[in-house]
Amino acid sequence: MSAIIILIGASIMMAGGFLIAFLWSVKSGQMDDDYTPSVRMLFDSETSTKTNK
């Protein structure tokens, strides 16, 4: 029974850590770019090295 209490406590602490990290990333502006992901594939400069035979 004590193992369940320890696991529940650890999972709540971990969830709180993820929540704090998410709120920090939103506050610092890491999720403000809505335009670039939709056009990233259009500006991809990687070329294919395969040749047609």
PDB file of N, CA and C in Angstrom:
ATOM      1  N   MET A   1       0.819  -1.196   0.000  1.00  0.00           N
ATOM      2  CA  MET A   1       0.000   0.000   0.000  1.00  0.00           C
ATOM      3  C   MET A   1       0.863   1.259   0.000  1.00  0.00           C
ATOM      4  N   SER A   2       1.985   1.205   0.725  1.00  0.00           N
ATOM      5  CA  SER A   2       2.842   2.392   0.766  1.00  0.00           C
ATOM      6  C   SER A   2       3.509   2.640  -0.589  1.00  0.00           C
ATOM      7  N   ALA A   3       3.710   1.578  -1.375  1.00  0.00           N
ATOM      8  CA  ALA A   3       4.295   1.757  -2.704  1.00  0.00           C
ATOM      9  C   ALA A   3       3.342   2.529  -3.612  1.00  0.00           C
ATOM     10  N   ILE A   4       2.052   2.291  -3.476  1.00  0.00           N
ATOM     11  CA  ILE A   4       1.068   3.009  -4.283  1.00  0.00           C
ATOM     12  C   ILE A   4       1.068   4.493  -3.915  1.00  0.00           C
ATOM     13  N   ILE A   5       1.164   4.795  -2.657  1.00  0.00           N
ATOM     14  CA  ILE A   5       1.187   6.193  -2.216  1.00  0.00           C
ATOM     15  C   ILE A   5       2.429   6.895  -2.733  1.00  0.00           C
ATOM     16  N   ILE A   6       3.562   6.204  -2.707  1.00  0.00           N
ATOM     17  CA  ILE A   6       4.806   6.783  -3.228  1.00  0.00           C
ATOM     18  C   ILE A   6       4.697   7.014  -4.738  1.00  0.00           C
ATOM     19  N   LEU A   7       4.141   6.059  -5.473  1.00  0.00           N
ATOM     20  CA  LEU A   7       3.997   6.203  -6.923  1.00  0.00           C
ATOM     21  C   LEU A   7       3.016   7.316  -7.281  1.00  0.00           C
ATOM     22  N   ILE A   8       1.925   7.435  -6.545  1.00  0.00           N
ATOM     23  CA  ILE A   8       0.972   8.510  -6.809  1.00  0.00           C
ATOM     24  C   ILE A   8       1.625   9.865  -6.530  1.00  0.00           C
ATOM     25  N   GLY A   9       2.354   9.966  -5.444  1.00  0.00           N
ATOM     26  CA  GLY A   9       3.053  11.214  -5.135  1.00  0.00           C
ATOM     27  C   GLY A   9       4.083  11.577  -6.188  1.00  0.00           C
ATOM     28  N   ALA A  10       4.838  10.576  -6.637  1.00  0.00           N
ATOM     29  CA  ALA A  10       5.856  10.821  -7.670  1.00  0.00           C
ATOM     30  C   ALA A  10       5.206  11.244  -8.989  1.00  0.00           C
ATOM     31  N   SER A  11       4.085  10.618  -9.344  1.00  0.00           N
ATOM     32  CA  SER A  11       3.422  10.966 -10.604  1.00  0.00           C
ATOM     33  C   SER A  11       2.813  12.358 -10.538  1.00  0.00           C
ATOM     34  N   ILE A  12       2.293  12.760  -9.391  1.00  0.00           N
ATOM     35  CA  ILE A  12       1.758  14.112  -9.250  1.00  0.00           C
ATOM     36  C   ILE A  12       2.883  15.140  -9.335  1.00  0.00           C
ATOM     37  N   MET A  13       4.021  14.834  -8.726  1.00  0.00           N
ATOM     38  CA  MET A  13       5.164  15.747  -8.819  1.00  0.00           C
ATOM     39  C   MET A  13       5.675  15.848 -10.252  1.00  0.00           C
ATOM     40  N   MET A  14       5.711  14.735 -10.963  1.00  0.00           N
ATOM     41  CA  MET A  14       6.162  14.743 -12.351  1.00  0.00           C
ATOM     42  C   MET A  14       5.186  15.520 -13.237  1.00  0.00           C
ATOM     43  N   ALA A  15       3.899  15.319 -13.025  1.00  0.00           N
ATOM     44  CA  ALA A  15       2.899  16.062 -13.793  1.00  0.00           C
ATOM     45  C   ALA A  15       3.009  17.553 -13.512  1.00  0.00           C
ATOM     46  N   GLY A  16       3.256  17.917 -12.269  1.00  0.00           N
ATOM     47  CA  GLY A  16       3.463  19.328 -11.930  1.00  0.00           C
ATOM     48  C   GLY A  16       4.693  19.899 -12.606  1.00  0.00           C
ATOM     49  N   GLY A  17       5.748  19.106 -12.684  1.00  0.00           N
ATOM     50  CA  GLY A  17       6.954  19.552 -13.386  1.00  0.00           C
ATOM     51  C   GLY A  17       6.708  19.782 -14.866  1.00  0.00           C
ATOM     52  N   PHE A  18       5.969  18.879 -15.493  1.00  0.00           N
ATOM     53  CA  PHE A  18       5.631  19.060 -16.909  1.00  0.00           C
ATOM     54  C   PHE A  18       4.734  20.273 -17.110  1.00  0.00           C
ATOM     55  N   LEU A  19       3.813  20.511 -16.190  1.00  0.00           N
ATOM     56  CA  LEU A  19       2.945  21.682 -16.286  1.00  0.00           C
ATOM     57  C   LEU A  19       3.755  22.968 -16.157  1.00  0.00           C
ATOM     58  N   ILE A  20       4.681  22.998 -15.222  1.00  0.00           N
ATOM     59  CA  ILE A  20       5.531  24.179 -15.054  1.00  0.00           C
ATOM     60  C   ILE A  20       6.394  24.397 -16.294  1.00  0.00           C
ATOM     61  N   ALA A  21       6.955  23.331 -16.866  1.00  0.00           N
ATOM     62  CA  ALA A  21       7.775  23.463 -18.075  1.00  0.00           C
ATOM     63  C   ALA A  21       6.935  23.957 -19.252  1.00  0.00           C
ATOM     64  N   PHE A  22       5.708  23.473 -19.365  1.00  0.00           N
ATOM     65  CA  PHE A  22       4.823  23.916 -20.453  1.00  0.00           C
ATOM     66  C   PHE A  22       4.473  25.388 -20.289  1.00  0.00           C
ATOM     67  N   LEU A  23       4.100  25.786 -19.087  1.00  0.00           N
ATOM     68  CA  LEU A  23       3.749  27.189 -18.864  1.00  0.00           C
ATOM     69  C   LEU A  23       4.947  28.103 -19.082  1.00  0.00           C
ATOM     70  N   TRP A  24       6.145  27.652 -18.698  1.00  0.00           N
ATOM     71  CA  TRP A  24       7.350  28.439 -18.935  1.00  0.00           C
ATOM     72  C   TRP A  24       7.613  28.604 -20.433  1.00  0.00           C
ATOM     73  N   SER A  25       7.416  27.527 -21.221  1.00  0.00           N
ATOM     74  CA  SER A  25       7.668  27.622 -22.657  1.00  0.00           C
ATOM     75  C   SER A  25       6.651  28.517 -23.346  1.00  0.00           C
ATOM     76  N   VAL A  26       5.405  28.503 -22.895  1.00  0.00           N
ATOM     77  CA  VAL A  26       4.398  29.392 -23.466  1.00  0.00           C
ATOM     78  C   VAL A  26       4.714  30.842 -23.110  1.00  0.00           C
ATOM     79  N   LYS A  27       5.109  31.077 -21.869  1.00  0.00           N
ATOM     80  CA  LYS A  27       5.409  32.442 -21.425  1.00  0.00           C
ATOM     81  C   LYS A  27       6.636  33.014 -22.117  1.00  0.00           C
ATOM     82  N   SER A  28       7.610  32.176 -22.438  1.00  0.00           N
ATOM     83  CA  SER A  28       8.827  32.668 -23.072  1.00  0.00           C
ATOM     84  C   SER A  28       8.685  32.817 -24.585  1.00  0.00           C
ATOM     85  N   GLY A  29       7.526  32.460 -25.151  1.00  0.00           N
ATOM     86  CA  GLY A  29       7.264  32.706 -26.563  1.00  0.00           C
ATOM     87  C   GLY A  29       7.688  31.603 -27.500  1.00  0.00           C
ATOM     88  N   GLN A  30       7.915  30.417 -27.025  1.00  0.00           N
ATOM     89  CA  GLN A  30       8.360  29.335 -27.893  1.00  0.00           C
ATOM     90  C   GLN A  30       7.244  28.788 -28.776  1.00  0.00           C
ATOM     91  N   MET A  31       6.000  29.110 -28.478  1.00  0.00           N
ATOM     92  CA  MET A  31       4.884  28.575 -29.251  1.00  0.00           C
ATOM     93  C   MET A  31       4.130  29.671 -29.982  1.00  0.00           C
ATOM     94  N   ASP A  32       4.801  30.767 -30.294  1.00  0.00           N
ATOM     95  CA  ASP A  32       4.148  31.887 -30.963  1.00  0.00           C
ATOM     96  C   ASP A  32       4.140  31.763 -32.483  1.00  0.00           C
ATOM     97  N   ASP A  33       4.991  30.949 -33.049  1.00  0.00           N
ATOM     98  CA  ASP A  33       5.126  30.864 -34.508  1.00  0.00           C
ATOM     99  C   ASP A  33       4.086  29.909 -35.080  1.00  0.00           C
ATOM    100  N   ASP A  34       3.025  30.468 -35.665  1.00  0.00           N
ATOM    101  CA  ASP A  34       1.981  29.646 -36.280  1.00  0.00           C
ATOM    102  C   ASP A  34       2.194  29.478 -37.777  1.00  0.00           C
ATOM    103  N   TYR A  35       2.976  30.347 -38.398  1.00  0.00           N
ATOM    104  CA  TYR A  35       3.097  30.354 -39.849  1.00  0.00           C
ATOM    105  C   TYR A  35       4.175  29.407 -40.376  1.00  0.00           C
ATOM    106  N   THR A  36       5.330  29.386 -39.762  1.00  0.00           N
ATOM    107  CA  THR A  36       6.473  28.634 -40.290  1.00  0.00           C
ATOM    108  C   THR A  36       6.223  27.131 -40.437  1.00  0.00           C
ATOM    109  N   PRO A  37       5.609  26.441 -39.489  1.00  0.00           N
ATOM    110  CA  PRO A  37       5.423  25.001 -39.670  1.00  0.00           C
ATOM    111  C   PRO A  37       4.589  24.638 -40.907  1.00  0.00           C
ATOM    112  N   SER A  38       3.672  25.507 -41.295  1.00  0.00           N
ATOM    113  CA  SER A  38       2.826  25.186 -42.442  1.00  0.00           C
ATOM    114  C   SER A  38       3.539  25.360 -43.775  1.00  0.00           C
ATOM    115  N   VAL A  39       4.619  26.138 -43.830  1.00  0.00           N
ATOM    116  CA  VAL A  39       5.328  26.364 -45.090  1.00  0.00           C
ATOM    117  C   VAL A  39       6.752  25.828 -45.066  1.00  0.00           C
ATOM    118  N   ARG A  40       7.133  25.128 -44.024  1.00  0.00           N
ATOM    119  CA  ARG A  40       8.509  24.630 -43.911  1.00  0.00           C
ATOM    120  C   ARG A  40       8.863  23.693 -45.056  1.00  0.00           C
ATOM    121  N   MET A  41       7.934  22.846 -45.472  1.00  0.00           N
ATOM    122  CA  MET A  41       8.244  21.894 -46.544  1.00  0.00           C
ATOM    123  C   MET A  41       8.423  22.584 -47.889  1.00  0.00           C
ATOM    124  N   LEU A  42       7.881  23.782 -48.062  1.00  0.00           N
ATOM    125  CA  LEU A  42       8.033  24.491 -49.327  1.00  0.00           C
ATOM    126  C   LEU A  42       9.446  25.042 -49.502  1.00  0.00           C
ATOM    127  N   PHE A  43      10.116  25.321 -48.412  1.00  0.00           N
ATOM    128  CA  PHE A  43      11.450  25.914 -48.465  1.00  0.00           C
ATOM    129  C   PHE A  43      12.542  24.923 -48.105  1.00  0.00           C
ATOM    130  N   ASP A  44      12.253  23.647 -48.183  1.00  0.00           N
ATOM    131  CA  ASP A  44      13.220  22.625 -47.852  1.00  0.00           C
ATOM    132  C   ASP A  44      14.276  22.567 -48.944  1.00  0.00           C
ATOM    133  N   SER A  45      15.539  22.736 -48.599  1.00  0.00           N
ATOM    134  CA  SER A  45      16.604  22.786 -49.593  1.00  0.00           C
ATOM    135  C   SER A  45      17.272  21.433 -49.804  1.00  0.00           C
ATOM    136  N   GLU A  46      16.794  20.404 -49.152  1.00  0.00           N
ATOM    137  CA  GLU A  46      17.372  19.077 -49.290  1.00  0.00           C
ATOM    138  C   GLU A  46      16.975  18.488 -50.648  1.00  0.00           C
ATOM    139  N   THR A  47      17.965  17.997 -51.403  1.00  0.00           N
ATOM    140  CA  THR A  47      17.675  17.426 -52.710  1.00  0.00           C
ATOM    141  C   THR A  47      17.865  15.920 -52.669  1.00  0.00           C
ATOM    142  N   SER A  48      17.179  15.256 -53.519  1.00  0.00           N
ATOM    143  CA  SER A  48      17.264  13.811 -53.574  1.00  0.00           C
ATOM    144  C   SER A  48      18.505  13.398 -54.367  1.00  0.00           C
ATOM    145  N   THR A  49      19.199  12.369 -53.887  1.00  0.00           N
ATOM    146  CA  THR A  49      20.406  11.909 -54.561  1.00  0.00           C
ATOM    147  C   THR A  49      20.132  10.715 -55.455  1.00  0.00           C
ATOM    148  N   LYS A  50      18.902  10.284 -55.534  1.00  0.00           N
ATOM    149  CA  LYS A  50      18.561   9.145 -56.391  1.00  0.00           C
ATOM    150  C   LYS A  50      18.490   9.583 -57.836  1.00  0.00           C
ATOM    151  N   THR A  51      18.913   8.721 -58.730  1.00  0.00           N
ATOM    152  CA  THR A  51      18.824   9.031 -60.156  1.00  0.00           C
ATOM    153  C   THR A  51      17.865   8.068 -60.815  1.00  0.00           C
ATOM    154  N   ASN A  52      17.210   8.542 -61.830  1.00  0.00           N
ATOM    155  CA  ASN A  52      16.268   7.695 -62.587  1.00  0.00           C
ATOM    156  C   ASN A  52      17.041   6.891 -63.614  1.00  0.00           C
ATOM    157  N   LYS A  53      16.769   5.606 -63.667  1.00  0.00           N
ATOM    158  CA  LYS A  53      17.466   4.737 -64.633  1.00  0.00           C
ATOM    159  C   LYS A  53      16.495   4.215 -65.643  1.00  0.00           C
TER     160      LYS A  53
END
